[in-house]
Amino acid sequence: MEEQSSGRGPSRDASPAWSRPASRWVVAGLVFYAAMAGLAWLWRGYFWGEPLFFLSASQAAEGLAWGPDLVLGLAAGGVVLVLSGAATRFTGFGQRLADRMGEMLAGLSLWQALILAVASAVGEELFFRGALQPRVGWMAASLLFGLMHIGPGRDFLPWTVFAILVGGLLGLLFIASGNLLAPIVAHAVVNGVNLPLLSRRSDFRPEAGPWAANVPRGRE
């Protein structure tokens, strides 16, 4: 059989996994979010001597309410997914944003997208909610969270606005629960669903309109 040496197309195994663009992107993301978590601990834990994962020392003494906080985070994440999905399906700006983000995330495997989803949820929540919000306030932390989500060009402006609103919701979860479990869970749910979908968006027909995400290429 000659199939293994036919020479058709580039081999996916031509380079080590760690050196491929998507893998390098994941490694860079992990380093970035680890740095955010480290800065959060230095700021609130080391410099201020406060519990990073909790809103206050008294709430840290009470500990976590695992069941209610998990349910709260899952419910909030579900609401955000419904809203972001509706914007993507039924608005032009949502479709353009999803297309641009799909181009940026193209090539990520499912496990790479999920790793980034969890890392971003933990790193960003430790930094913006755990470290910043107790010091600068809910509104300022939400605004700064949104401003970190600025992309190249006008198509990314809705992402920034949506991130400010979601940051506000995550901040309210932190206030309501007194700890970061619910915000982290909500954040991870949103990214854990959206990142894999966006990374596969280029596999679908853009001309299919608001239902393009349901129509794979090669099925015409």
N, C-alpha and C. Protein backbone atom coordinates (compact mmCIF):
# COMPACT_ATOMS: atom_id res chain seq x y z
N MET A 1 0.83 -1.20 0.00
CA MET A 1 0.00 0.00 0.00
C MET A 1 0.87 1.25 0.00
N GLU A 2 0.47 2.25 -0.83
CA GLU A 2 1.28 3.45 -0.97
C GLU A 2 0.64 4.66 -0.26
N GLU A 3 -0.48 4.46 0.45
CA GLU A 3 -1.22 5.58 0.98
C GLU A 3 -0.41 6.40 1.98
N GLN A 4 0.44 5.75 2.74
CA GLN A 4 1.16 6.46 3.78
C GLN A 4 2.21 7.40 3.23
N SER A 5 2.64 7.20 2.00
CA SER A 5 3.67 8.06 1.42
C SER A 5 3.17 8.71 0.15
N SER A 6 1.83 8.95 0.06
CA SER A 6 1.28 9.51 -1.17
C SER A 6 1.68 10.95 -1.37
N GLY A 7 2.02 11.66 -0.26
CA GLY A 7 2.48 13.04 -0.39
C GLY A 7 1.35 14.03 -0.57
N ARG A 8 0.09 13.61 -0.40
CA ARG A 8 -1.01 14.53 -0.58
C ARG A 8 -1.21 15.38 0.68
N GLY A 9 -1.04 16.65 0.55
CA GLY A 9 -1.31 17.56 1.66
C GLY A 9 -0.27 17.45 2.76
N PRO A 10 -0.23 18.47 3.62
CA PRO A 10 0.72 18.46 4.73
C PRO A 10 0.32 17.47 5.79
N SER A 11 1.29 16.86 6.41
CA SER A 11 1.03 15.90 7.48
C SER A 11 0.74 16.65 8.77
N ARG A 12 -0.27 16.20 9.50
CA ARG A 12 -0.60 16.83 10.78
C ARG A 12 0.46 16.54 11.83
N ASP A 13 1.26 15.52 11.61
CA ASP A 13 2.28 15.15 12.59
C ASP A 13 3.67 15.64 12.20
N ALA A 14 3.73 16.63 11.30
CA ALA A 14 5.02 17.09 10.80
C ALA A 14 5.82 17.82 11.86
N SER A 15 5.16 18.35 12.88
CA SER A 15 5.86 19.09 13.92
C SER A 15 5.35 18.64 15.27
N PRO A 16 6.17 18.82 16.32
CA PRO A 16 5.71 18.44 17.66
C PRO A 16 4.45 19.20 18.04
N ALA A 17 3.59 18.57 18.86
CA ALA A 17 2.32 19.19 19.21
C ALA A 17 2.51 20.56 19.86
N TRP A 18 3.55 20.68 20.72
CA TRP A 18 3.73 21.93 21.44
C TRP A 18 4.11 23.09 20.53
N SER A 19 4.65 22.79 19.33
CA SER A 19 5.14 23.84 18.44
C SER A 19 4.09 24.31 17.44
N ARG A 20 2.92 23.66 17.39
CA ARG A 20 1.89 24.09 16.46
C ARG A 20 1.26 25.39 16.94
N PRO A 21 0.76 26.22 16.00
CA PRO A 21 0.23 27.54 16.40
C PRO A 21 -0.82 27.48 17.49
N ALA A 22 -1.81 26.58 17.37
CA ALA A 22 -2.87 26.51 18.37
C ALA A 22 -2.31 26.13 19.73
N SER A 23 -1.36 25.20 19.76
CA SER A 23 -0.77 24.79 21.03
C SER A 23 0.04 25.91 21.66
N ARG A 24 0.77 26.66 20.85
CA ARG A 24 1.51 27.80 21.38
C ARG A 24 0.55 28.84 21.94
N TRP A 25 -0.59 29.01 21.29
CA TRP A 25 -1.61 29.94 21.75
C TRP A 25 -2.13 29.53 23.12
N VAL A 26 -2.33 28.23 23.30
CA VAL A 26 -2.81 27.71 24.59
C VAL A 26 -1.75 27.93 25.67
N VAL A 27 -0.50 27.63 25.36
CA VAL A 27 0.57 27.82 26.33
C VAL A 27 0.67 29.28 26.74
N ALA A 28 0.59 30.19 25.76
CA ALA A 28 0.64 31.62 26.08
C ALA A 28 -0.53 32.02 26.97
N GLY A 29 -1.72 31.46 26.69
CA GLY A 29 -2.87 31.76 27.52
C GLY A 29 -2.71 31.28 28.94
N LEU A 30 -2.17 30.07 29.10
CA LEU A 30 -1.97 29.53 30.44
C LEU A 30 -0.97 30.38 31.23
N VAL A 31 0.09 30.82 30.58
CA VAL A 31 1.07 31.68 31.25
C VAL A 31 0.42 33.00 31.66
N PHE A 32 -0.37 33.57 30.76
CA PHE A 32 -1.03 34.85 31.04
C PHE A 32 -1.98 34.75 32.22
N TYR A 33 -2.82 33.71 32.21
CA TYR A 33 -3.81 33.59 33.29
C TYR A 33 -3.15 33.19 34.61
N ALA A 34 -2.07 32.44 34.55
CA ALA A 34 -1.33 32.14 35.76
C ALA A 34 -0.72 33.41 36.34
N ALA A 35 -0.24 34.30 35.47
CA ALA A 35 0.30 35.58 35.93
C ALA A 35 -0.78 36.43 36.58
N MET A 36 -1.99 36.41 36.00
CA MET A 36 -3.09 37.15 36.59
C MET A 36 -3.41 36.63 38.00
N ALA A 37 -3.45 35.30 38.12
CA ALA A 37 -3.73 34.71 39.42
C ALA A 37 -2.65 35.06 40.43
N GLY A 38 -1.40 35.02 39.98
CA GLY A 38 -0.29 35.38 40.87
C GLY A 38 -0.35 36.82 41.32
N LEU A 39 -0.65 37.74 40.39
CA LEU A 39 -0.78 39.15 40.74
C LEU A 39 -1.94 39.36 41.71
N ALA A 40 -3.04 38.63 41.48
CA ALA A 40 -4.19 38.75 42.37
C ALA A 40 -3.82 38.36 43.80
N TRP A 41 -3.08 37.25 43.93
CA TRP A 41 -2.68 36.82 45.27
C TRP A 41 -1.72 37.82 45.91
N LEU A 42 -0.77 38.33 45.13
CA LEU A 42 0.18 39.30 45.67
C LEU A 42 -0.55 40.56 46.15
N TRP A 43 -1.53 40.99 45.37
CA TRP A 43 -2.23 42.23 45.69
C TRP A 43 -3.10 42.08 46.94
N ARG A 44 -3.99 41.11 46.92
CA ARG A 44 -4.95 41.02 48.03
C ARG A 44 -4.49 40.10 49.15
N GLY A 45 -3.86 38.99 48.76
CA GLY A 45 -3.45 38.04 49.78
C GLY A 45 -2.20 38.47 50.53
N TYR A 46 -1.18 38.87 49.79
CA TYR A 46 0.10 39.20 50.43
C TYR A 46 0.13 40.65 50.91
N PHE A 47 -0.23 41.58 50.02
CA PHE A 47 -0.13 42.99 50.37
C PHE A 47 -1.18 43.42 51.39
N TRP A 48 -2.44 43.01 51.17
CA TRP A 48 -3.52 43.41 52.07
C TRP A 48 -3.81 42.37 53.16
N GLY A 49 -3.31 41.16 52.99
CA GLY A 49 -3.54 40.13 53.99
C GLY A 49 -4.98 39.69 54.11
N GLU A 50 -5.70 39.68 52.98
CA GLU A 50 -7.10 39.30 52.97
C GLU A 50 -7.29 38.00 52.19
N PRO A 51 -8.37 37.26 52.46
CA PRO A 51 -8.61 36.01 51.72
C PRO A 51 -9.02 36.29 50.28
N LEU A 52 -8.24 35.82 49.34
CA LEU A 52 -8.47 36.13 47.93
C LEU A 52 -9.76 35.54 47.41
N PHE A 53 -10.13 34.36 47.87
CA PHE A 53 -11.28 33.65 47.31
C PHE A 53 -12.61 34.14 47.90
N PHE A 54 -12.55 34.94 48.96
CA PHE A 54 -13.77 35.38 49.64
C PHE A 54 -13.88 36.90 49.65
N LEU A 55 -15.11 37.36 49.78
CA LEU A 55 -15.35 38.80 49.79
C LEU A 55 -14.82 39.44 51.06
N SER A 56 -14.86 38.71 52.18
CA SER A 56 -14.40 39.25 53.45
C SER A 56 -13.87 38.12 54.33
N ALA A 57 -13.18 38.50 55.38
CA ALA A 57 -12.64 37.50 56.30
C ALA A 57 -13.75 36.75 57.02
N SER A 58 -14.85 37.43 57.34
CA SER A 58 -15.95 36.76 58.02
C SER A 58 -16.59 35.71 57.12
N GLN A 59 -16.69 36.00 55.82
CA GLN A 59 -17.26 35.02 54.90
C GLN A 59 -16.30 33.87 54.66
N ALA A 60 -15.00 34.16 54.75
CA ALA A 60 -14.02 33.07 54.65
C ALA A 60 -14.16 32.13 55.83
N ALA A 61 -14.46 32.69 57.02
CA ALA A 61 -14.64 31.85 58.20
C ALA A 61 -15.87 30.97 58.07
N GLU A 62 -16.89 31.45 57.38
CA GLU A 62 -18.11 30.66 57.18
C GLU A 62 -17.89 29.53 56.18
N GLY A 63 -16.97 29.72 55.23
CA GLY A 63 -16.68 28.70 54.23
C GLY A 63 -17.64 28.73 53.06
N LEU A 64 -17.56 27.72 52.21
CA LEU A 64 -18.35 27.65 50.99
C LEU A 64 -19.68 26.95 51.23
N ALA A 65 -20.70 27.41 50.53
CA ALA A 65 -21.98 26.69 50.45
C ALA A 65 -22.00 26.03 49.08
N TRP A 66 -21.38 24.86 49.00
CA TRP A 66 -21.10 24.25 47.70
C TRP A 66 -22.34 24.11 46.82
N GLY A 67 -23.39 23.53 47.36
CA GLY A 67 -24.58 23.29 46.55
C GLY A 67 -25.20 24.56 46.01
N PRO A 68 -25.60 25.51 46.86
CA PRO A 68 -26.21 26.74 46.37
C PRO A 68 -25.30 27.55 45.44
N ASP A 69 -24.00 27.60 45.76
CA ASP A 69 -23.09 28.38 44.93
C ASP A 69 -22.89 27.75 43.56
N LEU A 70 -22.82 26.44 43.50
CA LEU A 70 -22.72 25.76 42.21
C LEU A 70 -23.96 25.98 41.36
N VAL A 71 -25.13 25.85 41.98
CA VAL A 71 -26.38 26.06 41.26
C VAL A 71 -26.47 27.50 40.77
N LEU A 72 -26.09 28.44 41.61
CA LEU A 72 -26.12 29.84 41.24
C LEU A 72 -25.20 30.12 40.05
N GLY A 73 -24.00 29.55 40.07
CA GLY A 73 -23.07 29.74 38.97
C GLY A 73 -23.55 29.10 37.68
N LEU A 74 -24.09 27.89 37.77
CA LEU A 74 -24.60 27.21 36.59
C LEU A 74 -25.78 27.97 35.98
N ALA A 75 -26.68 28.47 36.84
CA ALA A 75 -27.85 29.21 36.34
C ALA A 75 -27.42 30.50 35.66
N ALA A 76 -26.49 31.22 36.27
CA ALA A 76 -26.03 32.47 35.67
C ALA A 76 -25.31 32.22 34.35
N GLY A 77 -24.48 31.17 34.31
CA GLY A 77 -23.81 30.83 33.06
C GLY A 77 -24.80 30.47 31.98
N GLY A 78 -25.87 29.76 32.34
CA GLY A 78 -26.89 29.41 31.36
C GLY A 78 -27.59 30.63 30.79
N VAL A 79 -27.89 31.60 31.63
CA VAL A 79 -28.53 32.82 31.17
C VAL A 79 -27.64 33.56 30.17
N VAL A 80 -26.36 33.68 30.50
CA VAL A 80 -25.43 34.37 29.60
C VAL A 80 -25.32 33.63 28.27
N LEU A 81 -25.30 32.30 28.31
CA LEU A 81 -25.23 31.52 27.07
C LEU A 81 -26.46 31.75 26.19
N VAL A 82 -27.62 31.81 26.80
CA VAL A 82 -28.85 32.06 26.03
C VAL A 82 -28.79 33.43 25.36
N LEU A 83 -28.36 34.45 26.11
CA LEU A 83 -28.30 35.79 25.57
C LEU A 83 -27.24 35.91 24.47
N SER A 84 -26.06 35.34 24.69
CA SER A 84 -25.01 35.42 23.68
C SER A 84 -25.39 34.62 22.44
N GLY A 85 -26.05 33.48 22.64
CA GLY A 85 -26.50 32.68 21.50
C GLY A 85 -27.55 33.40 20.68
N ALA A 86 -28.48 34.09 21.36
CA ALA A 86 -29.51 34.85 20.66
C ALA A 86 -28.89 35.99 19.86
N ALA A 87 -27.91 36.68 20.45
CA ALA A 87 -27.25 37.77 19.74
C ALA A 87 -26.52 37.26 18.50
N THR A 88 -25.89 36.09 18.63
CA THR A 88 -25.16 35.53 17.49
C THR A 88 -26.11 35.11 16.38
N ARG A 89 -27.24 34.54 16.72
CA ARG A 89 -28.17 34.01 15.72
C ARG A 89 -29.00 35.09 15.05
N PHE A 90 -29.40 36.11 15.81
CA PHE A 90 -30.43 37.01 15.32
C PHE A 90 -29.98 38.44 15.07
N THR A 91 -28.72 38.76 15.28
CA THR A 91 -28.24 40.12 15.01
C THR A 91 -27.03 40.08 14.09
N GLY A 92 -26.92 41.11 13.26
CA GLY A 92 -25.78 41.19 12.37
C GLY A 92 -24.48 41.40 13.11
N PHE A 93 -24.51 42.27 14.15
CA PHE A 93 -23.27 42.51 14.88
C PHE A 93 -22.81 41.26 15.62
N GLY A 94 -23.78 40.46 16.09
CA GLY A 94 -23.42 39.22 16.77
C GLY A 94 -22.79 38.22 15.83
N GLN A 95 -23.31 38.12 14.63
CA GLN A 95 -22.75 37.20 13.64
C GLN A 95 -21.36 37.64 13.20
N ARG A 96 -21.18 38.95 13.00
CA ARG A 96 -19.85 39.45 12.59
C ARG A 96 -18.82 39.20 13.70
N LEU A 97 -19.23 39.44 14.94
CA LEU A 97 -18.31 39.20 16.05
C LEU A 97 -17.94 37.73 16.14
N ALA A 98 -18.93 36.85 16.01
CA ALA A 98 -18.65 35.42 16.08
C ALA A 98 -17.73 34.98 14.94
N ASP A 99 -17.93 35.55 13.75
CA ASP A 99 -17.06 35.21 12.62
C ASP A 99 -15.61 35.63 12.90
N ARG A 100 -15.42 36.85 13.41
CA ARG A 100 -14.06 37.33 13.69
C ARG A 100 -13.41 36.51 14.79
N MET A 101 -14.15 36.21 15.83
CA MET A 101 -13.58 35.42 16.91
C MET A 101 -13.31 33.99 16.45
N GLY A 102 -14.17 33.49 15.58
CA GLY A 102 -13.93 32.16 15.02
C GLY A 102 -12.63 32.10 14.25
N GLU A 103 -12.32 33.19 13.52
CA GLU A 103 -11.05 33.24 12.79
C GLU A 103 -9.87 33.23 13.75
N MET A 104 -10.00 33.93 14.86
CA MET A 104 -8.90 33.99 15.83
C MET A 104 -8.69 32.65 16.53
N LEU A 105 -9.78 31.91 16.76
CA LEU A 105 -9.70 30.67 17.52
C LEU A 105 -9.62 29.43 16.65
N ALA A 106 -9.63 29.61 15.32
CA ALA A 106 -9.60 28.46 14.42
C ALA A 106 -8.37 27.59 14.69
N GLY A 107 -8.58 26.29 14.72
CA GLY A 107 -7.47 25.37 14.94
C GLY A 107 -7.40 24.82 16.34
N LEU A 108 -8.13 25.43 17.29
CA LEU A 108 -8.14 24.90 18.65
C LEU A 108 -8.92 23.60 18.69
N SER A 109 -8.35 22.61 19.33
CA SER A 109 -9.09 21.37 19.53
C SER A 109 -10.06 21.56 20.69
N LEU A 110 -10.95 20.59 20.89
CA LEU A 110 -11.91 20.68 21.98
C LEU A 110 -11.21 20.78 23.32
N TRP A 111 -10.21 19.92 23.56
CA TRP A 111 -9.55 19.94 24.87
C TRP A 111 -8.76 21.22 25.07
N GLN A 112 -8.18 21.79 24.00
CA GLN A 112 -7.47 23.06 24.13
C GLN A 112 -8.42 24.18 24.49
N ALA A 113 -9.59 24.19 23.84
CA ALA A 113 -10.58 25.22 24.13
C ALA A 113 -11.08 25.10 25.58
N LEU A 114 -11.28 23.88 26.05
CA LEU A 114 -11.75 23.69 27.41
C LEU A 114 -10.69 24.08 28.44
N ILE A 115 -9.43 23.78 28.14
CA ILE A 115 -8.35 24.20 29.04
C ILE A 115 -8.32 25.73 29.15
N LEU A 116 -8.42 26.41 28.02
CA LEU A 116 -8.44 27.88 28.04
C LEU A 116 -9.67 28.40 28.77
N ALA A 117 -10.80 27.72 28.61
CA ALA A 117 -12.03 28.15 29.28
C ALA A 117 -11.86 28.12 30.79
N VAL A 118 -11.32 27.03 31.31
CA VAL A 118 -11.13 26.92 32.76
C VAL A 118 -10.06 27.88 33.24
N ALA A 119 -8.95 27.97 32.51
CA ALA A 119 -7.86 28.86 32.93
C ALA A 119 -8.30 30.32 32.95
N SER A 120 -9.05 30.73 31.92
CA SER A 120 -9.50 32.12 31.87
C SER A 120 -10.50 32.40 32.99
N ALA A 121 -11.39 31.44 33.26
CA ALA A 121 -12.37 31.64 34.33
C ALA A 121 -11.68 31.81 35.68
N VAL A 122 -10.72 30.96 35.98
CA VAL A 122 -10.03 31.04 37.27
C VAL A 122 -9.16 32.30 37.34
N GLY A 123 -8.33 32.52 36.33
CA GLY A 123 -7.41 33.65 36.36
C GLY A 123 -8.12 35.00 36.40
N GLU A 124 -9.13 35.17 35.55
CA GLU A 124 -9.82 36.45 35.48
C GLU A 124 -10.68 36.71 36.71
N GLU A 125 -11.32 35.67 37.24
CA GLU A 125 -12.13 35.88 38.44
C GLU A 125 -11.28 36.17 39.66
N LEU A 126 -10.15 35.48 39.80
CA LEU A 126 -9.26 35.80 40.91
C LEU A 126 -8.77 37.24 40.83
N PHE A 127 -8.49 37.70 39.62
CA PHE A 127 -7.94 39.04 39.46
C PHE A 127 -9.01 40.13 39.59
N PHE A 128 -10.06 40.04 38.76
CA PHE A 128 -11.04 41.13 38.71
C PHE A 128 -12.01 41.12 39.88
N ARG A 129 -12.53 39.96 40.24
CA ARG A 129 -13.44 39.89 41.36
C ARG A 129 -12.70 39.71 42.69
N GLY A 130 -11.81 38.73 42.77
CA GLY A 130 -11.15 38.45 44.03
C GLY A 130 -10.23 39.55 44.51
N ALA A 131 -9.43 40.11 43.59
CA ALA A 131 -8.44 41.11 43.99
C ALA A 131 -8.94 42.54 43.83
N LEU A 132 -9.51 42.87 42.67
CA LEU A 132 -9.86 44.26 42.39
C LEU A 132 -11.18 44.71 43.03
N GLN A 133 -12.22 43.90 42.90
CA GLN A 133 -13.54 44.38 43.33
C GLN A 133 -13.60 44.83 44.78
N PRO A 134 -13.00 44.10 45.74
CA PRO A 134 -13.06 44.58 47.13
C PRO A 134 -12.35 45.91 47.33
N ARG A 135 -11.41 46.25 46.45
CA ARG A 135 -10.65 47.48 46.62
C ARG A 135 -11.21 48.64 45.80
N VAL A 136 -11.61 48.38 44.54
CA VAL A 136 -12.04 49.48 43.67
C VAL A 136 -13.55 49.55 43.52
N GLY A 137 -14.28 48.53 43.96
CA GLY A 137 -15.72 48.54 43.86
C GLY A 137 -16.24 47.73 42.68
N TRP A 138 -17.53 47.39 42.77
CA TRP A 138 -18.18 46.54 41.76
C TRP A 138 -18.18 47.17 40.38
N MET A 139 -18.54 48.45 40.29
CA MET A 139 -18.66 49.09 38.99
C MET A 139 -17.31 49.23 38.30
N ALA A 140 -16.31 49.67 39.03
CA ALA A 140 -14.99 49.85 38.43
C ALA A 140 -14.38 48.52 38.00
N ALA A 141 -14.55 47.48 38.82
CA ALA A 141 -14.02 46.17 38.46
C ALA A 141 -14.70 45.63 37.21
N SER A 142 -16.02 45.85 37.10
CA SER A 142 -16.76 45.39 35.92
C SER A 142 -16.30 46.13 34.68
N LEU A 143 -16.09 47.43 34.80
CA LEU A 143 -15.63 48.23 33.67
C LEU A 143 -14.23 47.80 33.23
N LEU A 144 -13.34 47.59 34.17
CA LEU A 144 -11.99 47.16 33.84
C LEU A 144 -12.00 45.77 33.19
N PHE A 145 -12.87 44.90 33.67
CA PHE A 145 -13.02 43.58 33.06
C PHE A 145 -13.44 43.71 31.60
N GLY A 146 -14.40 44.58 31.33
CA GLY A 146 -14.83 44.78 29.95
C GLY A 146 -13.75 45.39 29.09
N LEU A 147 -12.99 46.33 29.64
CA LEU A 147 -11.95 46.99 28.85
C LEU A 147 -10.81 46.03 28.49
N MET A 148 -10.65 44.96 29.28
CA MET A 148 -9.65 43.97 28.89
C MET A 148 -10.10 43.19 27.66
N HIS A 149 -11.40 43.17 27.41
CA HIS A 149 -11.94 42.43 26.27
C HIS A 149 -12.15 43.38 25.10
N ILE A 150 -11.07 43.95 24.63
CA ILE A 150 -11.09 44.82 23.46
C ILE A 150 -10.36 44.12 22.33
N GLY A 151 -11.01 44.03 21.20
CA GLY A 151 -10.41 43.36 20.06
C GLY A 151 -10.06 44.35 18.96
N PRO A 152 -9.41 43.85 17.91
CA PRO A 152 -9.00 44.72 16.80
C PRO A 152 -10.17 45.04 15.86
N GLY A 153 -10.62 46.27 15.84
CA GLY A 153 -11.65 46.67 14.89
C GLY A 153 -13.02 46.83 15.53
N ARG A 154 -13.93 47.44 14.76
CA ARG A 154 -15.27 47.76 15.26
C ARG A 154 -16.11 46.51 15.52
N ASP A 155 -15.82 45.43 14.81
CA ASP A 155 -16.61 44.22 15.00
C ASP A 155 -16.50 43.68 16.42
N PHE A 156 -15.45 44.07 17.14
CA PHE A 156 -15.24 43.57 18.50
C PHE A 156 -15.86 44.48 19.57
N LEU A 157 -16.41 45.61 19.16
CA LEU A 157 -17.01 46.51 20.15
C LEU A 157 -18.14 45.86 20.93
N PRO A 158 -19.05 45.09 20.30
CA PRO A 158 -20.08 44.41 21.09
C PRO A 158 -19.50 43.45 22.14
N TRP A 159 -18.35 42.86 21.84
CA TRP A 159 -17.69 41.97 22.81
C TRP A 159 -17.32 42.73 24.07
N THR A 160 -16.79 43.95 23.88
CA THR A 160 -16.39 44.77 25.02
C THR A 160 -17.61 45.17 25.86
N VAL A 161 -18.67 45.61 25.17
CA VAL A 161 -19.88 46.01 25.88
C VAL A 161 -20.48 44.82 26.63
N PHE A 162 -20.56 43.68 25.95
CA PHE A 162 -21.12 42.48 26.58
C PHE A 162 -20.27 42.05 27.76
N ALA A 163 -18.95 42.18 27.64
CA ALA A 163 -18.05 41.79 28.74
C ALA A 163 -18.26 42.68 29.95
N ILE A 164 -18.53 43.96 29.74
CA ILE A 164 -18.81 44.85 30.87
C ILE A 164 -20.07 44.40 31.60
N LEU A 165 -21.12 44.05 30.82
CA LEU A 165 -22.37 43.60 31.43
C LEU A 165 -22.19 42.26 32.16
N VAL A 166 -21.46 41.35 31.51
CA VAL A 166 -21.21 40.05 32.15
C VAL A 166 -20.33 40.22 33.38
N GLY A 167 -19.36 41.13 33.29
CA GLY A 167 -18.53 41.40 34.46
C GLY A 167 -19.36 41.91 35.63
N GLY A 168 -20.36 42.74 35.31
CA GLY A 168 -21.26 43.20 36.36
C GLY A 168 -22.04 42.06 36.99
N LEU A 169 -22.51 41.14 36.15
CA LEU A 169 -23.23 39.97 36.68
C LEU A 169 -22.32 39.11 37.55
N LEU A 170 -21.10 38.87 37.11
CA LEU A 170 -20.17 38.06 37.89
C LEU A 170 -19.83 38.74 39.22
N GLY A 171 -19.73 40.07 39.17
CA GLY A 171 -19.48 40.80 40.41
C GLY A 171 -20.64 40.68 41.38
N LEU A 172 -21.88 40.68 40.85
CA LEU A 172 -23.04 40.50 41.71
C LEU A 172 -23.08 39.11 42.31
N LEU A 173 -22.65 38.11 41.54
CA LEU A 173 -22.55 36.76 42.08
C LEU A 173 -21.56 36.71 43.24
N PHE A 174 -20.46 37.42 43.10
CA PHE A 174 -19.45 37.47 44.16
C PHE A 174 -20.04 38.11 45.42
N ILE A 175 -20.81 39.18 45.24
CA ILE A 175 -21.43 39.85 46.38
C ILE A 175 -22.48 38.96 47.02
N ALA A 176 -23.31 38.33 46.19
CA ALA A 176 -24.42 37.53 46.71
C ALA A 176 -23.94 36.29 47.46
N SER A 177 -22.89 35.64 46.93
CA SER A 177 -22.42 34.39 47.53
C SER A 177 -21.31 34.61 48.55
N GLY A 178 -20.59 35.71 48.42
CA GLY A 178 -19.48 35.99 49.32
C GLY A 178 -18.19 35.28 48.97
N ASN A 179 -18.18 34.55 47.84
CA ASN A 179 -16.96 33.85 47.42
C ASN A 179 -16.94 33.75 45.90
N LEU A 180 -15.85 33.21 45.37
CA LEU A 180 -15.64 33.17 43.92
C LEU A 180 -16.14 31.91 43.24
N LEU A 181 -16.73 30.98 43.99
CA LEU A 181 -17.14 29.73 43.37
C LEU A 181 -18.19 29.97 42.29
N ALA A 182 -19.25 30.69 42.60
CA ALA A 182 -20.30 30.94 41.61
C ALA A 182 -19.79 31.72 40.40
N PRO A 183 -19.02 32.81 40.58
CA PRO A 183 -18.49 33.51 39.41
C PRO A 183 -17.57 32.64 38.55
N ILE A 184 -16.73 31.83 39.18
CA ILE A 184 -15.84 30.96 38.40
C ILE A 184 -16.63 29.93 37.62
N VAL A 185 -17.63 29.33 38.26
CA VAL A 185 -18.45 28.33 37.58
C VAL A 185 -19.19 28.96 36.41
N ALA A 186 -19.82 30.11 36.61
CA ALA A 186 -20.54 30.79 35.54
C ALA A 186 -19.60 31.14 34.39
N HIS A 187 -18.45 31.68 34.72
CA HIS A 187 -17.46 32.07 33.72
C HIS A 187 -16.98 30.85 32.93
N ALA A 188 -16.71 29.76 33.63
CA ALA A 188 -16.23 28.55 32.97
C ALA A 188 -17.30 27.94 32.08
N VAL A 189 -18.55 27.99 32.50
CA VAL A 189 -19.64 27.45 31.69
C VAL A 189 -19.76 28.23 30.38
N VAL A 190 -19.73 29.55 30.47
CA VAL A 190 -19.85 30.38 29.27
C VAL A 190 -18.69 30.12 28.30
N ASN A 191 -17.48 30.17 28.81
CA ASN A 191 -16.32 29.96 27.93
C ASN A 191 -16.22 28.51 27.48
N GLY A 192 -16.61 27.59 28.36
CA GLY A 192 -16.51 26.17 28.01
C GLY A 192 -17.44 25.77 26.89
N VAL A 193 -18.54 26.48 26.74
CA VAL A 193 -19.45 26.22 25.62
C VAL A 193 -19.08 27.06 24.40
N ASN A 194 -18.82 28.34 24.61
CA ASN A 194 -18.62 29.25 23.48
C ASN A 194 -17.28 29.06 22.77
N LEU A 195 -16.20 28.82 23.50
CA LEU A 195 -14.90 28.69 22.84
C LEU A 195 -14.85 27.52 21.85
N PRO A 196 -15.32 26.32 22.22
CA PRO A 196 -15.33 25.24 21.22
C PRO A 196 -16.22 25.55 20.02
N LEU A 197 -17.38 26.19 20.26
CA LEU A 197 -18.26 26.53 19.14
C LEU A 197 -17.61 27.54 18.21
N LEU A 198 -16.98 28.55 18.79
CA LEU A 198 -16.33 29.57 17.97
C LEU A 198 -15.14 29.01 17.21
N SER A 199 -14.39 28.11 17.84
CA SER A 199 -13.21 27.55 17.16
C SER A 199 -13.60 26.71 15.96
N ARG A 200 -14.84 26.21 15.94
CA ARG A 200 -15.32 25.40 14.81
C ARG A 200 -16.15 26.21 13.83
N ARG A 201 -16.30 27.49 14.07
CA ARG A 201 -17.21 28.29 13.25
C ARG A 201 -16.78 28.34 11.79
N SER A 202 -15.47 28.32 11.52
CA SER A 202 -14.99 28.37 10.14
C SER A 202 -15.32 27.09 9.38
N ASP A 203 -15.77 26.03 10.06
CA ASP A 203 -16.17 24.80 9.40
C ASP A 203 -17.58 24.86 8.83
N PHE A 204 -18.28 26.00 9.08
CA PHE A 204 -19.66 26.12 8.65
C PHE A 204 -19.82 27.25 7.64
N ARG A 205 -20.90 27.18 6.88
CA ARG A 205 -21.13 28.14 5.80
C ARG A 205 -21.54 29.49 6.36
N PRO A 206 -20.78 30.56 6.11
CA PRO A 206 -21.19 31.88 6.57
C PRO A 206 -22.41 32.39 5.83
N GLU A 207 -22.67 31.89 4.60
CA GLU A 207 -23.78 32.40 3.82
C GLU A 207 -25.12 31.84 4.28
N ALA A 208 -25.11 30.96 5.28
CA ALA A 208 -26.35 30.35 5.71
C ALA A 208 -27.17 31.25 6.62
N GLY A 209 -26.65 32.47 6.92
CA GLY A 209 -27.43 33.41 7.71
C GLY A 209 -27.36 33.09 9.18
N PRO A 210 -28.40 33.52 9.92
CA PRO A 210 -28.35 33.37 11.38
C PRO A 210 -28.33 31.93 11.85
N TRP A 211 -28.64 30.97 10.97
CA TRP A 211 -28.61 29.57 11.36
C TRP A 211 -27.37 28.87 10.83
N ALA A 212 -26.34 29.67 10.46
CA ALA A 212 -25.13 29.10 9.87
C ALA A 212 -24.46 28.09 10.77
N ALA A 213 -24.55 28.30 12.07
CA ALA A 213 -23.85 27.40 13.00
C ALA A 213 -24.41 25.99 12.96
N ASN A 214 -25.55 25.80 12.30
CA ASN A 214 -26.13 24.47 12.23
C ASN A 214 -25.89 23.78 10.89
N VAL A 215 -25.19 24.46 9.97
CA VAL A 215 -25.05 23.92 8.61
C VAL A 215 -23.59 23.70 8.28
N PRO A 216 -23.08 22.47 8.35
CA PRO A 216 -21.67 22.22 8.07
C PRO A 216 -21.33 22.38 6.61
N ARG A 217 -20.08 22.71 6.35
CA ARG A 217 -19.58 22.76 4.97
C ARG A 217 -19.61 21.39 4.37
N GLY A 218 -19.63 21.37 3.05
CA GLY A 218 -19.53 20.12 2.33
C GLY A 218 -20.84 19.35 2.28
N ARG A 219 -21.95 19.98 2.72
CA ARG A 219 -23.23 19.29 2.69
C ARG A 219 -24.15 19.87 1.63
N GLU A 220 -23.61 20.79 0.75
CA GLU A 220 -24.47 21.37 -0.28
C GLU A 220 -24.90 20.28 -1.25
